[in-house]
Amino acid sequence: MNRDDMPLGFGMALAQNYNAMSFFTNLSTDQQQQVLNQTQSIGSRDEMQAFIEQLAKGNTNFIG
């Protein structure tokens, strides 16, 4: 995964949450891509924070 492939808002929010970053980096490349695909529908900072909090909890409901 190239950091240029990561949406800026997601990358910034991820960098602020160690647990979410750890969870994301331990996913397979395909799973990481699924997470990134989910970020495309996020329309606000609050929604992104909620999404990051779910990652920090290890929530994989959105990963197929």
PDB file of N, CA and C in Angstrom:
ATOM      1  N   MET A   1       0.841  -1.174   0.000  1.00  0.00           N
ATOM      2  CA  MET A   1       0.000   0.000   0.000  1.00  0.00           C
ATOM      3  C   MET A   1       0.884   1.235   0.000  1.00  0.00           C
ATOM      4  N   ASN A   2       0.648   2.079  -0.931  1.00  0.00           N
ATOM      5  CA  ASN A   2       1.399   3.317  -1.075  1.00  0.00           C
ATOM      6  C   ASN A   2       0.641   4.431  -0.368  1.00  0.00           C
ATOM      7  N   ARG A   3       1.334   5.265   0.358  1.00  0.00           N
ATOM      8  CA  ARG A   3       0.631   6.331   1.078  1.00  0.00           C
ATOM      9  C   ARG A   3      -0.043   7.307   0.130  1.00  0.00           C
ATOM     10  N   ASP A   4       0.395   7.365  -1.139  1.00  0.00           N
ATOM     11  CA  ASP A   4      -0.267   8.219  -2.122  1.00  0.00           C
ATOM     12  C   ASP A   4      -1.645   7.685  -2.485  1.00  0.00           C
ATOM     13  N   ASP A   5      -1.900   6.401  -2.214  1.00  0.00           N
ATOM     14  CA  ASP A   5      -3.195   5.787  -2.492  1.00  0.00           C
ATOM     15  C   ASP A   5      -4.210   6.076  -1.393  1.00  0.00           C
ATOM     16  N   MET A   6      -3.742   6.595  -0.278  1.00  0.00           N
ATOM     17  CA  MET A   6      -4.594   6.802   0.882  1.00  0.00           C
ATOM     18  C   MET A   6      -5.192   8.210   0.858  1.00  0.00           C
ATOM     19  N   PRO A   7      -6.524   8.316   0.995  1.00  0.00           N
ATOM     20  CA  PRO A   7      -7.143   9.640   1.073  1.00  0.00           C
ATOM     21  C   PRO A   7      -6.558  10.444   2.236  1.00  0.00           C
ATOM     22  N   LEU A   8      -6.312  11.710   2.016  1.00  0.00           N
ATOM     23  CA  LEU A   8      -5.659  12.566   2.999  1.00  0.00           C
ATOM     24  C   LEU A   8      -6.386  12.576   4.343  1.00  0.00           C
ATOM     25  N   GLY A   9      -7.701  12.758   4.330  1.00  0.00           N
ATOM     26  CA  GLY A   9      -8.466  12.812   5.577  1.00  0.00           C
ATOM     27  C   GLY A   9      -8.375  11.519   6.362  1.00  0.00           C
ATOM     28  N   PHE A  10      -8.404  10.401   5.660  1.00  0.00           N
ATOM     29  CA  PHE A  10      -8.282   9.109   6.318  1.00  0.00           C
ATOM     30  C   PHE A  10      -6.895   8.949   6.914  1.00  0.00           C
ATOM     31  N   GLY A  11      -5.884   9.286   6.154  1.00  0.00           N
ATOM     32  CA  GLY A  11      -4.508   9.169   6.632  1.00  0.00           C
ATOM     33  C   GLY A  11      -4.254  10.016   7.867  1.00  0.00           C
ATOM     34  N   MET A  12      -4.772  11.237   7.857  1.00  0.00           N
ATOM     35  CA  MET A  12      -4.584  12.127   9.002  1.00  0.00           C
ATOM     36  C   MET A  12      -5.313  11.592  10.236  1.00  0.00           C
ATOM     37  N   ALA A  13      -6.540  11.130  10.040  1.00  0.00           N
ATOM     38  CA  ALA A  13      -7.309  10.606  11.169  1.00  0.00           C
ATOM     39  C   ALA A  13      -6.674   9.320  11.701  1.00  0.00           C
ATOM     40  N   LEU A  14      -6.188   8.497  10.795  1.00  0.00           N
ATOM     41  CA  LEU A  14      -5.543   7.245  11.188  1.00  0.00           C
ATOM     42  C   LEU A  14      -4.273   7.521  11.995  1.00  0.00           C
ATOM     43  N   ALA A  15      -3.522   8.511  11.582  1.00  0.00           N
ATOM     44  CA  ALA A  15      -2.274   8.854  12.264  1.00  0.00           C
ATOM     45  C   ALA A  15      -2.510   9.340  13.693  1.00  0.00           C
ATOM     46  N   GLN A  16      -3.718   9.788  13.979  1.00  0.00           N
ATOM     47  CA  GLN A  16      -4.035  10.301  15.309  1.00  0.00           C
ATOM     48  C   GLN A  16      -4.577   9.224  16.248  1.00  0.00           C
ATOM     49  N   ASN A  17      -4.716   8.003  15.739  1.00  0.00           N
ATOM     50  CA  ASN A  17      -5.280   6.936  16.563  1.00  0.00           C
ATOM     51  C   ASN A  17      -4.409   5.692  16.406  1.00  0.00           C
ATOM     52  N   TYR A  18      -3.563   5.448  17.377  1.00  0.00           N
ATOM     53  CA  TYR A  18      -2.605   4.335  17.301  1.00  0.00           C
ATOM     54  C   TYR A  18      -3.293   2.993  17.107  1.00  0.00           C
ATOM     55  N   ASN A  19      -4.370   2.748  17.842  1.00  0.00           N
ATOM     56  CA  ASN A  19      -5.052   1.457  17.742  1.00  0.00           C
ATOM     57  C   ASN A  19      -5.627   1.237  16.350  1.00  0.00           C
ATOM     58  N   ALA A  20      -6.212   2.268  15.779  1.00  0.00           N
ATOM     59  CA  ALA A  20      -6.767   2.157  14.430  1.00  0.00           C
ATOM     60  C   ALA A  20      -5.649   1.938  13.412  1.00  0.00           C
ATOM     61  N   MET A  21      -4.552   2.662  13.579  1.00  0.00           N
ATOM     62  CA  MET A  21      -3.434   2.510  12.648  1.00  0.00           C
ATOM     63  C   MET A  21      -2.857   1.099  12.738  1.00  0.00           C
ATOM     64  N   SER A  22      -2.709   0.610  13.936  1.00  0.00           N
ATOM     65  CA  SER A  22      -2.177  -0.735  14.130  1.00  0.00           C
ATOM     66  C   SER A  22      -3.095  -1.775  13.484  1.00  0.00           C
ATOM     67  N   PHE A  23      -4.387  -1.624  13.713  1.00  0.00           N
ATOM     68  CA  PHE A  23      -5.350  -2.548  13.127  1.00  0.00           C
ATOM     69  C   PHE A  23      -5.270  -2.503  11.605  1.00  0.00           C
ATOM     70  N   PHE A  24      -5.270  -1.309  11.042  1.00  0.00           N
ATOM     71  CA  PHE A  24      -5.251  -1.148   9.585  1.00  0.00           C
ATOM     72  C   PHE A  24      -3.986  -1.727   8.975  1.00  0.00           C
ATOM     73  N   THR A  25      -2.844  -1.462   9.578  1.00  0.00           N
ATOM     74  CA  THR A  25      -1.588  -1.938   8.992  1.00  0.00           C
ATOM     75  C   THR A  25      -1.446  -3.458   9.079  1.00  0.00           C
ATOM     76  N   ASN A  26      -2.187  -4.080   9.995  1.00  0.00           N
ATOM     77  CA  ASN A  26      -2.139  -5.533  10.108  1.00  0.00           C
ATOM     78  C   ASN A  26      -3.141  -6.252   9.200  1.00  0.00           C
ATOM     79  N   LEU A  27      -3.956  -5.500   8.474  1.00  0.00           N
ATOM     80  CA  LEU A  27      -4.880  -6.102   7.523  1.00  0.00           C
ATOM     81  C   LEU A  27      -4.124  -6.523   6.267  1.00  0.00           C
ATOM     82  N   SER A  28      -4.702  -7.465   5.542  1.00  0.00           N
ATOM     83  CA  SER A  28      -4.121  -7.839   4.251  1.00  0.00           C
ATOM     84  C   SER A  28      -4.302  -6.666   3.282  1.00  0.00           C
ATOM     85  N   THR A  29      -3.573  -6.692   2.191  1.00  0.00           N
ATOM     86  CA  THR A  29      -3.687  -5.627   1.186  1.00  0.00           C
ATOM     87  C   THR A  29      -5.116  -5.528   0.671  1.00  0.00           C
ATOM     88  N   ASP A  30      -5.759  -6.662   0.432  1.00  0.00           N
ATOM     89  CA  ASP A  30      -7.146  -6.646  -0.042  1.00  0.00           C
ATOM     90  C   ASP A  30      -8.082  -6.029   0.998  1.00  0.00           C
ATOM     91  N   GLN A  31      -7.881  -6.363   2.254  1.00  0.00           N
ATOM     92  CA  GLN A  31      -8.714  -5.796   3.316  1.00  0.00           C
ATOM     93  C   GLN A  31      -8.468  -4.298   3.450  1.00  0.00           C
ATOM     94  N   GLN A  32      -7.208  -3.879   3.348  1.00  0.00           N
ATOM     95  CA  GLN A  32      -6.906  -2.446   3.394  1.00  0.00           C
ATOM     96  C   GLN A  32      -7.624  -1.721   2.264  1.00  0.00           C
ATOM     97  N   GLN A  33      -7.641  -2.324   1.071  1.00  0.00           N
ATOM     98  CA  GLN A  33      -8.319  -1.700  -0.053  1.00  0.00           C
ATOM     99  C   GLN A  33      -9.824  -1.601   0.204  1.00  0.00           C
ATOM    100  N   GLN A  34     -10.389  -2.602   0.832  1.00  0.00           N
ATOM    101  CA  GLN A  34     -11.813  -2.554   1.177  1.00  0.00           C
ATOM    102  C   GLN A  34     -12.096  -1.416   2.150  1.00  0.00           C
ATOM    103  N   VAL A  35     -11.205  -1.231   3.117  1.00  0.00           N
ATOM    104  CA  VAL A  35     -11.355  -0.121   4.062  1.00  0.00           C
ATOM    105  C   VAL A  35     -11.277   1.199   3.301  1.00  0.00           C
ATOM    106  N   LEU A  36     -10.291   1.338   2.430  1.00  0.00           N
ATOM    107  CA  LEU A  36     -10.147   2.572   1.656  1.00  0.00           C
ATOM    108  C   LEU A  36     -11.374   2.818   0.776  1.00  0.00           C
ATOM    109  N   ASN A  37     -11.936   1.766   0.225  1.00  0.00           N
ATOM    110  CA  ASN A  37     -13.149   1.921  -0.578  1.00  0.00           C
ATOM    111  C   ASN A  37     -14.288   2.472   0.266  1.00  0.00           C
ATOM    112  N   GLN A  38     -14.362   2.042   1.518  1.00  0.00           N
ATOM    113  CA  GLN A  38     -15.395   2.535   2.428  1.00  0.00           C
ATOM    114  C   GLN A  38     -15.234   4.023   2.716  1.00  0.00           C
ATOM    115  N   THR A  39     -14.009   4.512   2.722  1.00  0.00           N
ATOM    116  CA  THR A  39     -13.797   5.926   3.039  1.00  0.00           C
ATOM    117  C   THR A  39     -14.339   6.839   1.949  1.00  0.00           C
ATOM    118  N   GLN A  40     -14.566   6.302   0.758  1.00  0.00           N
ATOM    119  CA  GLN A  40     -15.063   7.128  -0.347  1.00  0.00           C
ATOM    120  C   GLN A  40     -16.457   7.684  -0.074  1.00  0.00           C
ATOM    121  N   SER A  41     -17.227   7.014   0.767  1.00  0.00           N
ATOM    122  CA  SER A  41     -18.590   7.464   1.052  1.00  0.00           C
ATOM    123  C   SER A  41     -18.673   8.346   2.297  1.00  0.00           C
ATOM    124  N   ILE A  42     -17.543   8.591   2.942  1.00  0.00           N
ATOM    125  CA  ILE A  42     -17.532   9.413   4.157  1.00  0.00           C
ATOM    126  C   ILE A  42     -17.512  10.877   3.751  1.00  0.00           C
ATOM    127  N   GLY A  43     -18.475  11.630   4.297  1.00  0.00           N
ATOM    128  CA  GLY A  43     -18.641  13.005   3.847  1.00  0.00           C
ATOM    129  C   GLY A  43     -18.298  14.087   4.854  1.00  0.00           C
ATOM    130  N   SER A  44     -17.915  13.703   6.064  1.00  0.00           N
ATOM    131  CA  SER A  44     -17.609  14.740   7.053  1.00  0.00           C
ATOM    132  C   SER A  44     -16.495  14.266   7.984  1.00  0.00           C
ATOM    133  N   ARG A  45     -15.935  15.215   8.677  1.00  0.00           N
ATOM    134  CA  ARG A  45     -14.878  14.907   9.649  1.00  0.00           C
ATOM    135  C   ARG A  45     -15.417  14.025  10.778  1.00  0.00           C
ATOM    136  N   ASP A  46     -16.645  14.327  11.208  1.00  0.00           N
ATOM    137  CA  ASP A  46     -17.247  13.530  12.280  1.00  0.00           C
ATOM    138  C   ASP A  46     -17.465  12.084  11.845  1.00  0.00           C
ATOM    139  N   GLU A  47     -17.916  11.902  10.610  1.00  0.00           N
ATOM    140  CA  GLU A  47     -18.098  10.547  10.092  1.00  0.00           C
ATOM    141  C   GLU A  47     -16.759   9.818  10.018  1.00  0.00           C
ATOM    142  N   MET A  48     -15.710  10.525   9.613  1.00  0.00           N
ATOM    143  CA  MET A  48     -14.392   9.907   9.525  1.00  0.00           C
ATOM    144  C   MET A  48     -13.900   9.512  10.913  1.00  0.00           C
ATOM    145  N   GLN A  49     -14.111  10.355  11.890  1.00  0.00           N
ATOM    146  CA  GLN A  49     -13.701  10.034  13.257  1.00  0.00           C
ATOM    147  C   GLN A  49     -14.441   8.794  13.764  1.00  0.00           C
ATOM    148  N   ALA A  50     -15.730   8.704  13.471  1.00  0.00           N
ATOM    149  CA  ALA A  50     -16.508   7.538  13.880  1.00  0.00           C
ATOM    150  C   ALA A  50     -15.986   6.280  13.186  1.00  0.00           C
ATOM    151  N   PHE A  51     -15.628   6.403  11.924  1.00  0.00           N
ATOM    152  CA  PHE A  51     -15.084   5.280  11.159  1.00  0.00           C
ATOM    153  C   PHE A  51     -13.759   4.830  11.768  1.00  0.00           C
ATOM    154  N   ILE A  52     -12.906   5.778  12.092  1.00  0.00           N
ATOM    155  CA  ILE A  52     -11.606   5.484  12.704  1.00  0.00           C
ATOM    156  C   ILE A  52     -11.796   4.814  14.062  1.00  0.00           C
ATOM    157  N   GLU A  53     -12.766   5.280  14.822  1.00  0.00           N
ATOM    158  CA  GLU A  53     -13.039   4.659  16.122  1.00  0.00           C
ATOM    159  C   GLU A  53     -13.455   3.204  15.958  1.00  0.00           C
ATOM    160  N   GLN A  54     -14.206   2.902  14.905  1.00  0.00           N
ATOM    161  CA  GLN A  54     -14.582   1.515  14.643  1.00  0.00           C
ATOM    162  C   GLN A  54     -13.354   0.670  14.301  1.00  0.00           C
ATOM    163  N   LEU A  55     -12.446   1.233  13.525  1.00  0.00           N
ATOM    164  CA  LEU A  55     -11.195   0.527  13.226  1.00  0.00           C
ATOM    165  C   LEU A  55     -10.409   0.274  14.503  1.00  0.00           C
ATOM    166  N   ALA A  56     -10.355   1.268  15.376  1.00  0.00           N
ATOM    167  CA  ALA A  56      -9.600   1.140  16.627  1.00  0.00           C
ATOM    168  C   ALA A  56     -10.154   0.013  17.494  1.00  0.00           C
ATOM    169  N   LYS A  57     -11.449  -0.243  17.375  1.00  0.00           N
ATOM    170  CA  LYS A  57     -12.087  -1.312  18.136  1.00  0.00           C
ATOM    171  C   LYS A  57     -11.954  -2.663  17.446  1.00  0.00           C
ATOM    172  N   GLY A  58     -11.363  -2.657  16.244  1.00  0.00           N
ATOM    173  CA  GLY A  58     -11.206  -3.911  15.502  1.00  0.00           C
ATOM    174  C   GLY A  58     -12.469  -4.330  14.791  1.00  0.00           C
ATOM    175  N   ASN A  59     -13.365  -3.391  14.559  1.00  0.00           N
ATOM    176  CA  ASN A  59     -14.618  -3.689  13.883  1.00  0.00           C
ATOM    177  C   ASN A  59     -14.353  -4.010  12.418  1.00  0.00           C
ATOM    178  N   THR A  60     -14.740  -5.198  12.003  1.00  0.00           N
ATOM    179  CA  THR A  60     -14.514  -5.617  10.621  1.00  0.00           C
ATOM    180  C   THR A  60     -15.824  -5.841   9.875  1.00  0.00           C
ATOM    181  N   ASN A  61     -16.927  -5.296  10.383  1.00  0.00           N
ATOM    182  CA  ASN A  61     -18.226  -5.486   9.745  1.00  0.00           C
ATOM    183  C   ASN A  61     -18.252  -4.993   8.300  1.00  0.00           C
ATOM    184  N   PHE A  62     -17.434  -4.025   7.972  1.00  0.00           N
ATOM    185  CA  PHE A  62     -17.442  -3.446   6.635  1.00  0.00           C
ATOM    186  C   PHE A  62     -16.428  -4.124   5.710  1.00  0.00           C
ATOM    187  N   ILE A  63     -15.724  -5.106   6.210  1.00  0.00           N
ATOM    188  CA  ILE A  63     -14.732  -5.826   5.399  1.00  0.00           C
ATOM    189  C   ILE A  63     -15.350  -7.159   4.971  1.00  0.00           C
ATOM    190  N   GLY A  64     -15.396  -7.369   3.649  1.00  0.00           N
ATOM    191  CA  GLY A  64     -16.036  -8.570   3.124  1.00  0.00           C
ATOM    192  C   GLY A  64     -15.259  -9.823   3.281  1.00  0.00           C
TER     193      GLY A  64
END
